[in-house]
Protein backbone atom coordinates (compact mmCIF):
# COMPACT_ATOMS: atom_id res chain seq x y z
CA UNK A 1 -20.40 27.86 -26.96
CA UNK A 2 -22.46 29.68 -29.57
CA UNK A 3 -26.47 29.25 -28.84
CA UNK A 4 -28.76 27.51 -30.68
CA UNK A 5 -29.54 28.28 -34.24
CA UNK A 6 -27.87 28.59 -37.54
CA UNK A 7 -24.15 29.91 -37.47
CA UNK A 8 -22.78 32.30 -40.04
CA UNK A 9 -19.26 33.27 -40.24
CA UNK A 10 -17.91 36.38 -42.35
CA UNK A 11 -14.18 37.09 -42.63
CA UNK A 12 -11.89 39.34 -44.30
CA UNK A 13 -8.26 38.71 -44.56
CA UNK A 14 -5.57 41.48 -45.17
CA UNK A 15 -2.17 42.00 -45.55
CA UNK A 16 0.53 43.96 -43.34
CA UNK A 17 -0.24 47.04 -45.46
CA UNK A 18 -4.15 46.77 -45.04
CA UNK A 19 -4.46 44.97 -48.50
CA UNK A 20 -7.64 43.04 -48.82
CA UNK A 21 -6.30 39.63 -49.41
CA UNK A 22 -9.83 37.96 -49.55
CA UNK A 23 -13.07 37.63 -47.92
CA UNK A 24 -16.35 35.28 -48.06
CA UNK A 25 -18.80 34.02 -45.63
CA UNK A 26 -20.07 30.40 -45.15
CA UNK A 27 -23.16 29.04 -43.14
CA UNK A 28 -20.90 27.52 -40.58
CA UNK A 29 -19.04 28.39 -36.97
CA UNK A 30 -15.47 27.70 -38.47
CA UNK A 31 -13.55 28.37 -41.85
CA UNK A 32 -10.64 27.84 -43.91
CA UNK A 33 -8.12 30.19 -45.19
CA UNK A 34 -5.95 29.46 -48.50
CA UNK A 35 -2.60 31.61 -48.52
CA UNK A 36 -1.23 30.40 -51.74
CA UNK A 37 1.83 29.23 -52.65
CA UNK A 38 3.37 32.82 -52.07
CA UNK A 39 2.09 33.34 -48.34
CA UNK A 40 4.86 34.33 -46.07
CA UNK A 41 4.32 37.60 -44.47
CA UNK A 42 1.98 39.36 -41.71
CA UNK A 43 -1.76 39.18 -41.97
CA UNK A 44 -4.88 40.28 -40.02
CA UNK A 45 -8.03 38.50 -39.97
CA UNK A 46 -11.49 40.48 -39.22
CA UNK A 47 -13.99 37.55 -38.23
CA UNK A 48 -17.68 37.98 -37.25
CA UNK A 49 -19.58 34.71 -36.44
CA UNK A 50 -23.65 35.28 -36.56
CA UNK A 51 -26.13 33.44 -35.14
CA UNK A 52 -29.54 33.00 -36.70
CA UNK A 53 -32.93 31.82 -35.80
CA UNK A 54 -35.14 30.46 -38.49
CA UNK A 55 -37.51 28.45 -36.25
CA UNK A 56 -40.43 31.35 -36.96
CA UNK A 57 -39.84 31.49 -40.64
CA UNK A 58 -41.70 29.76 -43.07
CA UNK A 59 -38.32 28.57 -44.96
CA UNK A 60 -35.14 27.15 -44.00
CA UNK A 61 -31.95 28.98 -44.08
CA UNK A 62 -29.96 27.31 -46.84
CA UNK A 63 -27.48 29.71 -47.87
CA UNK A 64 -25.75 33.07 -47.28
CA UNK A 65 -28.49 35.11 -49.04
CA UNK A 66 -31.39 33.83 -47.12
CA UNK A 67 -29.80 35.93 -44.32
CA UNK A 68 -29.73 39.39 -45.83
CA UNK A 69 -32.97 40.71 -44.59
CA UNK A 70 -32.81 39.06 -41.00
CA UNK A 71 -31.17 40.00 -38.16
CA UNK A 72 -28.78 37.75 -36.14
CA UNK A 73 -29.59 37.10 -32.62
CA UNK A 74 -26.08 36.51 -31.62
CA UNK A 75 -22.84 38.25 -33.12
CA UNK A 76 -19.19 37.57 -32.23
CA UNK A 77 -16.73 39.72 -33.56
CA UNK A 78 -12.91 39.18 -33.10
CA UNK A 79 -9.78 40.01 -35.33
CA UNK A 80 -6.94 38.28 -35.19
CA UNK A 81 -2.85 38.88 -35.92
CA UNK A 82 -0.70 36.50 -37.24
CA UNK A 83 2.78 35.79 -39.12
CA UNK A 84 3.44 32.85 -42.02
CA UNK A 85 7.01 31.43 -41.89
CA UNK A 86 8.53 28.98 -44.00
CA UNK A 87 10.38 26.82 -41.87
CA UNK A 88 12.86 23.48 -42.13
CA UNK A 89 12.60 20.96 -39.99
CA UNK A 90 15.57 20.93 -37.36
CA UNK A 91 15.83 17.03 -37.43
CA UNK A 92 15.79 17.01 -41.01
CA UNK A 93 19.44 15.50 -40.81
CA UNK A 94 17.74 12.21 -39.83
CA UNK A 95 17.17 9.93 -42.90
CA UNK A 96 13.59 8.92 -41.85
CA UNK A 97 12.24 12.99 -41.03
CA UNK A 98 10.85 14.51 -44.23
CA UNK A 99 13.18 17.61 -45.05
CA UNK A 100 11.08 19.74 -47.02
CA UNK A 101 10.37 23.26 -45.84
CA UNK A 102 6.78 23.63 -43.94
CA UNK A 103 4.72 26.96 -43.78
CA UNK A 104 3.34 27.41 -40.57
CA UNK A 105 1.30 30.01 -39.05
CA UNK A 106 1.96 31.95 -35.36
CA UNK A 107 -0.31 34.23 -33.59
CA UNK A 108 1.21 37.09 -32.65
CA UNK A 109 -1.56 38.22 -29.58
CA UNK A 110 -0.96 35.98 -26.83
CA UNK A 111 -3.98 34.01 -24.85
CA UNK A 112 -5.71 30.58 -25.25
CA UNK A 113 -7.00 30.40 -28.83
CA UNK A 114 -8.41 26.67 -28.85
CA UNK A 115 -12.33 26.99 -27.92
CA UNK A 116 -12.64 24.70 -24.63
CA UNK A 117 -16.44 23.97 -23.74
CA UNK A 118 -17.25 22.96 -20.31
CA UNK A 119 -17.85 19.54 -21.41
CA UNK A 120 -14.41 19.15 -23.12
CA UNK A 121 -12.45 20.45 -20.10
CA UNK A 122 -14.83 18.32 -17.89
CA UNK A 123 -13.23 15.03 -19.97
CA UNK A 124 -9.92 16.37 -19.69
CA UNK A 125 -10.29 17.01 -16.04
CA UNK A 126 -10.48 12.89 -15.56
CA UNK A 127 -7.48 12.31 -18.25
CA UNK A 128 -5.37 14.77 -16.08
CA UNK A 129 -6.52 13.28 -12.60
CA UNK A 130 -5.51 9.96 -13.94
CA UNK A 131 -2.19 11.01 -15.68
CA UNK A 132 -1.44 12.39 -12.06
CA UNK A 133 -2.48 9.47 -10.09
CA UNK A 134 -0.27 7.07 -12.47
CA UNK A 135 2.88 9.30 -13.40
CA UNK A 136 2.79 12.16 -11.07
CA UNK A 137 2.43 16.14 -11.79
CA UNK A 138 4.73 16.30 -14.38
CA UNK A 139 3.05 13.56 -16.82
CA UNK A 140 -0.73 15.11 -16.22
CA UNK A 141 1.10 18.52 -16.85
CA UNK A 142 2.64 17.25 -20.49
CA UNK A 143 -0.08 15.61 -21.41
CA UNK A 144 -2.44 18.34 -20.99
CA UNK A 145 -0.12 20.95 -22.68
CA UNK A 146 0.56 18.61 -25.61
CA UNK A 147 -3.29 18.49 -26.04
CA UNK A 148 -3.94 22.33 -26.09
CA UNK A 149 -5.57 22.22 -22.45
CA UNK A 150 -5.12 25.73 -20.84
CA UNK A 151 -2.67 26.01 -18.47
CA UNK A 152 -4.69 27.91 -15.93
CA UNK A 153 -7.09 24.66 -15.66
CA UNK A 154 -4.43 21.97 -15.77
CA UNK A 155 -3.27 23.88 -12.29
CA UNK A 156 -6.85 24.05 -11.08
CA UNK A 157 -7.01 20.28 -11.46
CA UNK A 158 -3.77 19.22 -10.38
CA UNK A 159 -4.51 21.61 -7.25
CA UNK A 160 -8.14 20.17 -6.71
CA UNK A 161 -6.65 16.62 -6.64
CA UNK A 162 -4.03 17.32 -4.25
CA UNK A 163 -6.63 19.25 -1.84
CA UNK A 164 -9.01 16.66 -1.90
CA UNK A 165 -6.36 13.90 -1.26
CA UNK A 166 -5.24 15.93 1.43
CA UNK A 167 -8.29 17.02 3.18
CA UNK A 168 -9.58 13.25 3.28
CA UNK A 169 -6.59 11.33 4.09
CA UNK A 170 -4.59 13.88 5.68
CA UNK A 171 -6.81 13.69 9.03
CA UNK A 172 -7.37 10.06 9.13
CA UNK A 173 -3.22 9.91 9.10
CA UNK A 174 -3.15 12.57 11.87
CA UNK A 175 -5.26 10.50 14.09
CA UNK A 176 -3.66 7.45 13.07
CA UNK A 177 0.18 8.69 13.41
CA UNK A 178 0.01 11.70 15.77
CA UNK A 179 0.85 11.10 19.29
CA UNK A 180 1.27 13.53 22.11
CA UNK A 181 4.30 13.50 23.84
CA UNK A 182 2.61 12.23 26.96
CA UNK A 183 1.05 9.47 25.08
CA UNK A 184 4.29 8.38 23.45
CA UNK A 185 6.06 5.03 24.84
CA UNK A 186 9.70 5.50 24.97
CA UNK A 187 12.17 2.96 23.93
CA UNK A 188 12.74 1.59 27.20
CA UNK A 189 8.71 1.43 27.99
CA UNK A 190 8.29 -0.21 24.91
CA UNK A 191 11.18 -2.75 25.42
CA UNK A 192 9.71 -3.43 29.26
CA UNK A 193 6.23 -4.06 27.78
CA UNK A 194 7.56 -6.50 25.41
CA UNK A 195 9.50 -8.47 28.08
CA UNK A 196 6.62 -8.73 30.34
CA UNK A 197 4.01 -9.78 27.73
CA UNK A 198 6.60 -12.36 26.23
CA UNK A 199 6.96 -13.47 29.88
CA UNK A 200 2.99 -13.85 30.57
CA UNK A 201 2.81 -15.64 27.18
CA UNK A 202 5.49 -17.85 28.26
CA UNK A 203 3.90 -19.04 31.12
CA UNK A 204 0.71 -19.48 29.69
CA UNK A 205 1.98 -21.85 26.85
CA UNK A 206 4.19 -23.34 28.97
CA UNK A 207 7.63 -22.13 27.37
CA UNK A 208 11.05 -21.60 28.95
CA UNK A 209 12.57 -18.31 27.49
CA UNK A 210 16.15 -18.09 27.36
CA UNK A 211 16.83 -14.60 28.24
CA UNK A 212 20.52 -14.46 27.81
CA UNK A 213 19.90 -14.98 24.02
CA UNK A 214 16.80 -12.66 24.20
CA UNK A 215 16.84 -9.98 21.54
CA UNK A 216 15.43 -6.62 21.24
CA UNK A 217 16.01 -3.89 19.10
CA UNK A 218 13.77 -0.75 18.18
CA UNK A 219 14.33 0.73 14.69
CA UNK A 220 12.80 3.72 12.50
CA UNK A 221 11.34 0.91 10.48
CA UNK A 222 10.35 -1.77 12.63
CA UNK A 223 10.72 -3.42 16.49
CA UNK A 224 13.10 -6.72 16.14
CA UNK A 225 12.38 -9.41 18.80
CA UNK A 226 14.26 -12.66 18.73
CA UNK A 227 12.82 -15.07 21.20
CA UNK A 228 14.71 -18.52 22.18
CA UNK A 229 12.74 -20.81 24.07
CA UNK A 230 12.55 -24.63 25.28
CA UNK A 231 9.87 -26.38 25.23
CA UNK A 232 8.59 -28.18 28.09
CA UNK A 233 6.11 -31.94 28.89
CA UNK A 234 3.31 -29.30 28.54
CA UNK A 235 4.04 -27.37 25.21
CA UNK A 236 1.81 -28.48 22.34
CA UNK A 237 2.58 -25.81 19.57
CA UNK A 238 5.07 -25.85 17.03
CA UNK A 239 7.47 -22.66 16.41
CA UNK A 240 5.14 -21.19 14.16
CA UNK A 241 1.99 -21.39 16.53
CA UNK A 242 4.22 -20.13 19.42
CA UNK A 243 5.38 -17.11 17.50
CA UNK A 244 1.67 -16.22 16.26
CA UNK A 245 0.37 -16.66 19.97
CA UNK A 246 2.96 -14.32 21.54
CA UNK A 247 2.62 -12.19 18.75
CA UNK A 248 -1.24 -11.81 19.27
CA UNK A 249 -0.85 -11.25 22.84
CA UNK A 250 1.92 -8.52 22.14
CA UNK A 251 0.34 -6.64 18.97
CA UNK A 252 -3.16 -6.05 21.62
CA UNK A 253 -0.84 -4.27 24.18
CA UNK A 254 0.86 -2.47 21.40
CA UNK A 255 -3.03 -1.34 20.14
CA UNK A 256 -3.62 -0.14 23.80
CA UNK A 257 -0.44 2.17 23.69
CA UNK A 258 -0.90 3.28 20.18
CA UNK A 259 2.34 1.67 18.50
CA UNK A 260 1.66 0.71 15.29
CA UNK A 261 5.34 0.18 13.79
CA UNK A 262 5.89 -3.00 11.99
CA UNK A 263 6.86 -6.03 14.46
CA UNK A 264 9.39 -8.70 13.21
CA UNK A 265 9.33 -11.46 15.54
CA UNK A 266 11.55 -14.77 15.19
CA UNK A 267 10.53 -17.62 17.93
CA UNK A 268 12.96 -20.53 17.52
CA UNK A 269 12.98 -23.53 20.07
CA UNK A 270 16.49 -24.60 21.41
CA UNK A 271 17.55 -27.02 23.52
CA UNK A 272 17.22 -30.92 23.91
CA UNK A 273 13.36 -30.66 22.99
CA UNK A 274 13.60 -28.12 19.53
CA UNK A 275 13.38 -31.05 17.47
CA UNK A 276 9.88 -32.39 18.73
CA UNK A 277 7.11 -32.47 15.71
CA UNK A 278 4.20 -31.06 17.56
CA UNK A 279 2.33 -32.05 14.43
CA UNK A 280 2.80 -35.72 14.45
CA UNK A 281 3.55 -36.03 18.32
CA UNK A 282 7.52 -37.46 17.35
CA UNK A 283 9.38 -36.48 20.39
CA UNK A 284 6.65 -35.41 22.56
CA UNK A 285 7.41 -36.98 25.95
CA UNK A 286 10.86 -38.26 25.48
CA UNK A 287 12.36 -36.38 28.25
CA UNK A 288 10.29 -38.74 30.78
CA UNK A 289 12.73 -41.31 29.68
CA UNK A 290 15.40 -40.22 31.89
CA UNK A 291 12.80 -40.16 35.08
CA UNK A 292 12.11 -43.80 35.10
CA UNK A 293 13.58 -45.50 38.06
CA UNK A 294 16.10 -48.18 37.12
CA UNK A 295 16.67 -51.65 38.74
CA UNK A 296 19.97 -53.14 38.59
CA UNK A 297 20.42 -56.83 39.25
CA UNK A 298 22.65 -59.66 37.34
CA UNK A 299 25.92 -60.74 37.81
CA UNK A 300 29.39 -59.49 37.22
CA UNK A 301 31.00 -55.88 37.02
CA UNK A 302 28.96 -53.70 34.83
CA UNK A 303 26.22 -56.31 33.89
CA UNK A 304 23.07 -54.32 34.18
CA UNK A 305 19.29 -55.08 33.37
CA UNK A 306 16.92 -52.47 33.70
CA UNK A 307 13.50 -53.15 34.62
CA UNK A 308 10.90 -51.72 32.23
CA UNK A 309 7.94 -53.05 33.70
CA UNK A 310 6.87 -49.81 34.96
CA UNK A 311 7.21 -48.22 31.86
CA UNK A 312 5.24 -50.66 29.52
CA UNK A 313 2.38 -50.40 32.04
CA UNK A 314 2.57 -46.76 31.56
CA UNK A 315 2.59 -47.05 27.95
CA UNK A 316 -0.34 -49.26 27.88
CA UNK A 317 -2.39 -46.85 30.48
CA UNK A 318 -1.48 -43.81 27.76
CA UNK A 319 -2.83 -46.07 24.98
CA UNK A 320 -6.13 -46.83 26.48
CA UNK A 321 -6.21 -43.18 27.36
CA UNK A 322 -5.35 -42.10 23.89
CA UNK A 323 -7.99 -44.41 22.14
CA UNK A 324 -10.61 -43.23 24.46
CA UNK A 325 -9.53 -39.41 23.52
CA UNK A 326 -9.67 -40.37 20.03
CA UNK A 327 -13.06 -41.90 20.19
CA UNK A 328 -14.31 -38.93 21.68
CA UNK A 329 -12.86 -36.46 19.30
CA UNK A 330 -14.22 -38.33 16.07
CA UNK A 331 -17.53 -38.50 17.55
CA UNK A 332 -17.39 -34.51 18.31
CA UNK A 333 -16.01 -33.85 15.12
CA UNK A 334 -18.54 -36.22 13.35
CA UNK A 335 -21.44 -34.07 15.12
CA UNK A 336 -20.23 -31.17 13.40
CA UNK A 337 -21.03 -30.35 9.44
CA UNK A 338 -18.51 -27.01 9.50
CA UNK A 339 -15.06 -29.11 10.52
CA UNK A 340 -13.27 -32.15 9.95
CA UNK A 341 -10.80 -33.64 12.35
CA UNK A 342 -7.39 -33.80 10.40
CA UNK A 343 -5.02 -34.86 13.23
CA UNK A 344 -4.75 -34.82 16.85
CA UNK A 345 -1.86 -35.52 19.60
CA UNK A 346 -2.39 -37.14 22.85
CA UNK A 347 0.44 -36.69 25.64
CA UNK A 348 -0.48 -37.91 28.99
CA UNK A 349 1.61 -38.29 32.23
CA UNK A 350 1.10 -38.27 36.06
CA UNK A 351 0.11 -34.36 36.20
CA UNK A 352 -1.36 -33.69 33.06
CA UNK A 353 -3.43 -34.74 30.02
CA UNK A 354 -2.46 -32.71 26.96
CA UNK A 355 -3.99 -32.53 23.65
CA UNK A 356 -3.45 -30.81 20.61
CA UNK A 357 -5.93 -30.95 17.52
CA UNK A 358 -5.82 -29.84 13.87
CA UNK A 359 -8.80 -29.26 11.70
CA UNK A 360 -10.45 -27.88 8.66
CA UNK A 361 -13.17 -26.15 7.72
CA UNK A 362 -15.59 -27.89 5.45
CA UNK A 363 -17.64 -25.19 3.64
CA UNK A 364 -16.50 -23.79 0.33
CA UNK A 365 -14.30 -20.46 0.32
CA UNK A 366 -13.95 -21.22 4.24
CA UNK A 367 -10.93 -18.55 4.21
CA UNK A 368 -14.04 -16.06 3.76
CA UNK A 369 -16.81 -17.73 5.26
CA UNK A 370 -15.79 -19.54 8.18
CA UNK A 371 -16.14 -16.89 11.14
CA UNK A 372 -16.09 -19.64 14.18
CA UNK A 373 -13.03 -18.94 15.97
CA UNK A 374 -10.35 -21.43 17.29
CA UNK A 375 -11.23 -20.07 21.07
CA UNK A 376 -14.75 -21.18 20.78
CA UNK A 377 -14.14 -25.21 19.33
CA UNK A 378 -11.71 -25.51 21.96
CA UNK A 379 -13.99 -24.32 24.75
CA UNK A 380 -16.86 -26.52 23.57
CA UNK A 381 -14.29 -29.78 23.33
CA UNK A 382 -12.86 -29.20 26.81
CA UNK A 383 -16.37 -29.13 28.27
CA UNK A 384 -16.98 -32.53 26.61
CA UNK A 385 -13.71 -34.35 27.27
CA UNK A 386 -13.97 -32.78 31.12
CA UNK A 387 -17.21 -34.59 31.27
CA UNK A 388 -16.32 -37.90 29.69
CA UNK A 389 -13.15 -38.20 30.89
CA UNK A 390 -13.70 -37.26 34.35
CA UNK A 391 -12.44 -40.67 35.98
CA UNK A 392 -9.25 -40.75 33.72
CA UNK A 393 -8.64 -37.44 34.56
CA UNK A 394 -8.75 -37.69 38.29
CA UNK A 395 -6.14 -34.72 39.73
CA UNK A 396 -4.52 -34.48 36.38
CA UNK A 397 -4.77 -31.10 34.43
CA UNK A 398 -6.34 -31.00 30.80
CA UNK A 399 -4.31 -28.87 28.25
CA UNK A 400 -6.26 -28.33 24.56
CA UNK A 401 -4.53 -26.85 21.91
CA UNK A 402 -7.21 -26.34 18.69
CA UNK A 403 -6.07 -25.02 15.43
CA UNK A 404 -7.60 -24.21 12.09
CA UNK A 405 -5.31 -25.75 9.34
CA UNK A 406 -6.48 -22.85 6.99
CA UNK A 407 -6.34 -20.04 9.07
CA UNK A 408 -4.18 -17.14 8.04
CA UNK A 409 -0.89 -16.03 10.19
CA UNK A 410 -2.53 -12.41 10.12
CA UNK A 411 -5.79 -13.67 11.57
CA UNK A 412 -3.66 -16.25 14.55
CA UNK A 413 -1.72 -12.96 15.41
CA UNK A 414 -4.56 -10.64 15.77
CA UNK A 415 -2.51 -8.41 12.96
CA UNK A 416 -4.24 -5.17 11.39
CA UNK A 417 -1.39 -5.90 8.05
CA UNK A 418 1.27 -8.23 7.41
CA UNK A 419 4.68 -7.79 5.56
CA UNK A 420 6.61 -10.82 3.95
CA UNK A 421 9.95 -10.70 2.09
CA UNK A 422 9.84 -12.60 -1.28
CA UNK A 423 13.11 -14.49 -0.55
CA UNK A 424 12.01 -15.79 3.10
CA UNK A 425 8.28 -16.52 3.46
CA UNK A 426 8.98 -16.80 7.21
CA UNK A 427 10.40 -13.49 8.06
CA UNK A 428 7.14 -11.83 8.80
CA UNK A 429 6.47 -8.27 9.97
CA UNK A 430 3.00 -7.42 11.94
CA UNK A 431 1.49 -4.22 12.45
CA UNK A 432 -1.18 -3.88 15.60
CA UNK A 433 -4.75 -3.74 14.56
CA UNK A 434 -6.26 -0.19 14.24
CA UNK A 435 -9.88 0.55 15.48
CA UNK A 436 -12.34 2.20 13.46
CA UNK A 437 -13.44 2.26 9.63
CA UNK A 438 -10.35 4.83 9.09
CA UNK A 439 -7.99 2.53 10.88
CA UNK A 440 -9.16 -0.45 8.87
CA UNK A 441 -8.85 1.27 5.53
CA UNK A 442 -5.45 2.27 6.03
CA UNK A 443 -4.49 -1.14 6.79
CA UNK A 444 -5.73 -2.68 3.41
CA UNK A 445 -3.08 -3.95 1.31
CA UNK A 446 -3.40 -0.91 -1.32
CA UNK A 447 -3.49 1.94 1.66
CA UNK A 448 -1.03 0.14 3.51
CA UNK A 449 1.42 -0.44 0.69
CA UNK A 450 1.13 3.45 0.15
CA UNK A 451 1.28 4.85 3.43
CA UNK A 452 4.47 2.67 4.48
CA UNK A 453 5.98 3.81 1.09
CA UNK A 454 5.09 7.24 1.79
CA UNK A 455 6.64 6.99 5.59
CA UNK A 456 9.68 5.67 4.90
CA UNK A 457 10.30 8.30 1.88
CA UNK A 458 9.47 10.76 4.88
CA UNK A 459 11.97 9.67 6.74
CA UNK A 460 14.77 9.93 4.39
CA UNK A 461 13.83 13.49 4.27
CA UNK A 462 13.04 14.42 8.40
CA UNK A 463 16.55 15.78 9.24
CA UNK A 464 15.48 18.25 6.30
CA UNK A 465 12.01 19.52 7.78
CA UNK A 466 13.80 19.13 11.37
CA UNK A 467 16.36 22.15 10.08
CA UNK A 468 14.12 24.22 8.18
CA UNK A 469 10.68 23.44 9.73
CA UNK A 470 7.45 25.22 8.33
CA UNK A 471 9.33 27.04 5.08
CA UNK A 472 11.11 23.76 4.11
CA UNK A 473 8.24 21.85 4.18
CA UNK A 474 6.76 24.45 1.23
CA UNK A 475 9.70 23.92 -0.50
CA UNK A 476 10.16 20.24 -0.09
CA UNK A 477 6.37 20.08 -1.61
CA UNK A 478 7.01 22.40 -4.09
CA UNK A 479 10.37 21.07 -5.96
CA UNK A 480 10.10 18.93 -8.47
CA UNK A 481 11.61 15.28 -8.10
CA UNK A 482 11.89 16.38 -4.58
CA UNK A 483 8.82 15.10 -3.30
CA UNK A 484 5.66 12.74 -4.35
CA UNK A 485 3.28 15.41 -3.38
CA UNK A 486 1.24 16.66 -0.13
CA UNK A 487 0.73 13.09 1.13
CA UNK A 488 4.59 12.63 1.49
CA UNK A 489 4.57 16.22 2.60
CA UNK A 490 1.94 15.71 5.19
CA UNK A 491 3.59 12.67 6.44
CA UNK A 492 6.81 14.49 6.88
CA UNK A 493 5.12 17.11 9.07
CA UNK A 494 3.81 14.31 11.29
CA UNK A 495 6.71 12.54 11.54
CA UNK A 496 8.26 15.91 12.42
CA UNK A 497 5.53 16.90 15.24
CA UNK A 498 4.42 19.92 13.35
CA UNK A 499 1.08 21.31 14.37
CA UNK A 500 -1.82 20.02 12.28
CA UNK A 501 -2.92 23.53 10.99
CA UNK A 502 0.92 24.26 9.88
CA UNK A 503 1.15 21.01 7.95
CA UNK A 504 -1.89 21.45 6.19
CA UNK A 505 -1.12 25.29 5.20
CA UNK A 506 2.17 24.16 4.24
CA UNK A 507 0.94 21.52 2.12
CA UNK A 508 -1.77 23.55 0.53
CA UNK A 509 0.46 26.96 -0.55
CA UNK A 510 3.58 24.19 -1.52
CA UNK A 511 1.11 22.46 -3.54
CA UNK A 512 -0.63 25.46 -5.00
CA UNK A 513 2.55 26.64 -6.27
CA UNK A 514 3.93 23.55 -7.67
CA UNK A 515 0.51 22.86 -9.52
CA UNK A 516 0.80 26.63 -11.16
CA UNK A 517 4.65 26.18 -11.44
CA UNK A 518 4.36 22.98 -13.44
CA UNK A 519 1.39 24.13 -15.56
CA UNK A 520 2.98 26.99 -17.01
CA UNK A 521 6.40 24.87 -17.19
CA UNK A 522 4.87 22.49 -19.24
CA UNK A 523 2.72 24.62 -21.60
CA UNK A 524 6.15 26.54 -22.11
CA UNK A 525 7.71 23.15 -23.15
CA UNK A 526 5.20 22.11 -25.45
CA UNK A 527 5.28 25.25 -27.28
CA UNK A 528 9.27 24.98 -27.89
CA UNK A 529 8.90 21.69 -29.16
CA UNK A 530 5.90 22.82 -31.43
CA UNK A 531 8.29 25.50 -32.53
CA UNK A 532 11.58 23.59 -33.24
CA UNK A 533 9.23 20.47 -34.69
CA UNK A 534 9.98 18.39 -31.81
CA UNK A 535 6.38 17.19 -31.20
CA UNK A 536 7.95 13.50 -31.59
CA UNK A 537 9.50 14.19 -28.29
CA UNK A 538 6.30 14.90 -26.57
CA UNK A 539 5.05 11.51 -25.97
CA UNK A 540 8.65 10.21 -25.40
CA UNK A 541 8.84 12.54 -22.47
CA UNK A 542 5.41 11.71 -21.28
CA UNK A 543 6.59 7.81 -20.99
CA UNK A 544 10.06 8.59 -20.04
CA UNK A 545 8.13 10.48 -16.67
CA UNK A 546 5.77 7.49 -16.31
CA UNK A 547 8.60 5.26 -16.20
CA UNK A 548 10.42 7.18 -13.84
CA UNK A 549 7.92 7.03 -11.68
CA UNK A 550 7.14 3.65 -11.29
CA UNK A 551 10.72 2.94 -11.14
CA UNK A 552 10.81 5.27 -8.23
CA UNK A 553 7.91 3.88 -6.48
CA UNK A 554 9.62 0.30 -6.84
CA UNK A 555 13.10 1.38 -6.26
CA UNK A 556 11.32 3.12 -2.77
CA UNK A 557 9.66 -0.17 -2.02
CA UNK A 558 12.36 -2.25 -2.50
CA UNK A 559 14.83 -0.36 -0.66
CA UNK A 560 12.04 -0.25 2.49
CA UNK A 561 11.87 -3.96 2.37
CA UNK A 562 15.81 -4.89 2.29
CA UNK A 563 15.90 -2.28 5.07
CA UNK A 564 13.19 -3.71 7.23
CA UNK A 565 14.11 -7.27 6.78
CA UNK A 566 17.95 -6.68 6.93
CA UNK A 567 19.65 -9.73 8.20
CA UNK A 568 22.24 -8.57 10.62
CA UNK A 569 20.30 -9.07 13.89
CA UNK A 570 18.57 -12.14 12.55
CA UNK A 571 21.67 -13.90 11.68
CA UNK A 572 23.58 -13.04 14.99
CA UNK A 573 20.89 -14.42 16.93
CA UNK A 574 21.13 -17.59 15.18
CA UNK A 575 24.73 -17.80 15.51
CA UNK A 576 24.42 -17.14 19.31
CA UNK A 577 22.04 -20.08 19.59
CA UNK A 578 24.19 -22.61 17.39
CA UNK A 579 27.30 -21.49 19.80
CA UNK A 580 25.65 -22.12 23.16
CA UNK A 581 23.35 -25.09 21.89
CA UNK A 582 24.74 -26.55 18.46
CA UNK A 583 23.12 -27.02 15.56
CA UNK A 584 18.87 -27.60 16.60
CA UNK A 585 17.01 -27.42 13.50
């Protein structure tokens, strides 16, 4: 950090007895010393750096002699004590290691000797932050220590990163996760809310729930719900859409009561109508066959001839209704340039006319650009059909279901975030949507995965904090490998229902001690490795720490997903269905 000008370095090198060994000067801000072949021993260097300004002179300072009659504008004197020793490599027994003895100099006085300017420290600050985010505090400290970054600066960068992440994310986490005791729903309240919502949804979807086989279980990680149902003649939805419709209403209720646990719901059709294919219409209305009037006639016992005239008359009428409905649907979708009709199923009886429509947006990148909701198209279509089918409908009710073929499950269910297991794509855990910018940010893929993993880790250590409280949280954040940083500590404090300020202070204090401890520990480790010629181990240690961090995150995520999508309740649910109804799939 010298001022502008021409630098000159002067030095005097003396041995332990004060005898001058060499001296010299050079027009540079650095210099080199040649100690010769027989150089082992103790030395003292007196050095002075001067800076001259030649802007007002009629000549340029080109040699040391030009500075004889000039007064320097800046001087920096210093002295150093050092020891030169001849050492053999401790790894010399290995065939690929050089066994030749090396001479090395060691500064006797303590303190950081490298000259770091603000630009260098700033650049290394970014490197240290990237290393800590990628491989943890240990990786960052070893990386900086190997490069000679001062320990105090490594501690400062680590603490700054912890403080920034904590002060930015913790208030958001607190707002999302913290609930006062009066606002929290108990297990019984959540189960009652779930049953009431499913009962209401079943009535709207014309389903019959088998409450004897209904399953509900609230765990630390999720809320598991098993819904067995029977289709009726008015049901127009396959199981996947039934699950999405019920989840949509349930997650809305959970949003109102701030229940943001993943909800894992399985909906399965049971009974005689379980095999109906609602996409093609195969099997729809077959239950009406059993209600037809039968006229017996003929000769001889057991000779029965059924009169199907009523059936064929109704079939002809249904065919006419279906043709007319399809013409209306084709005209409706031909007039729209943004969607096209893929499939339509029409079911008619004396009480109702049920229509199921599947459509697809026609624009490019429709998943991102198509904003029209299925409910809006459904309302428009219902108005057109009511107008044009007024004579045919009569007293019958009109039921319409529209479905966007490209719509994602998360949008159908109104979920803020959806998790899937790779082994079974049908196993889905959905989280209620959170409001506001902060809620949306926390439910993105990146932050959602981070916070869910952090929450899982915190749940594993909750007993420790419940026992030791504030001081236990400080130790948890401080001790290496016991936590992944201040965010885990913050989440742990939230789950243990500690006060906002106590959690903030514990994490800041624990993070400060951890940063300082690791900075000076890493500096000591690097010093020892240099002393015993183990520099090769430094990059190996850094790679090992990065690998351990990655493996730890992957294993934690895998353990969480395995626990989230455990099969015990799922398998029991299907076994009970098969025991009661037989194989229904």
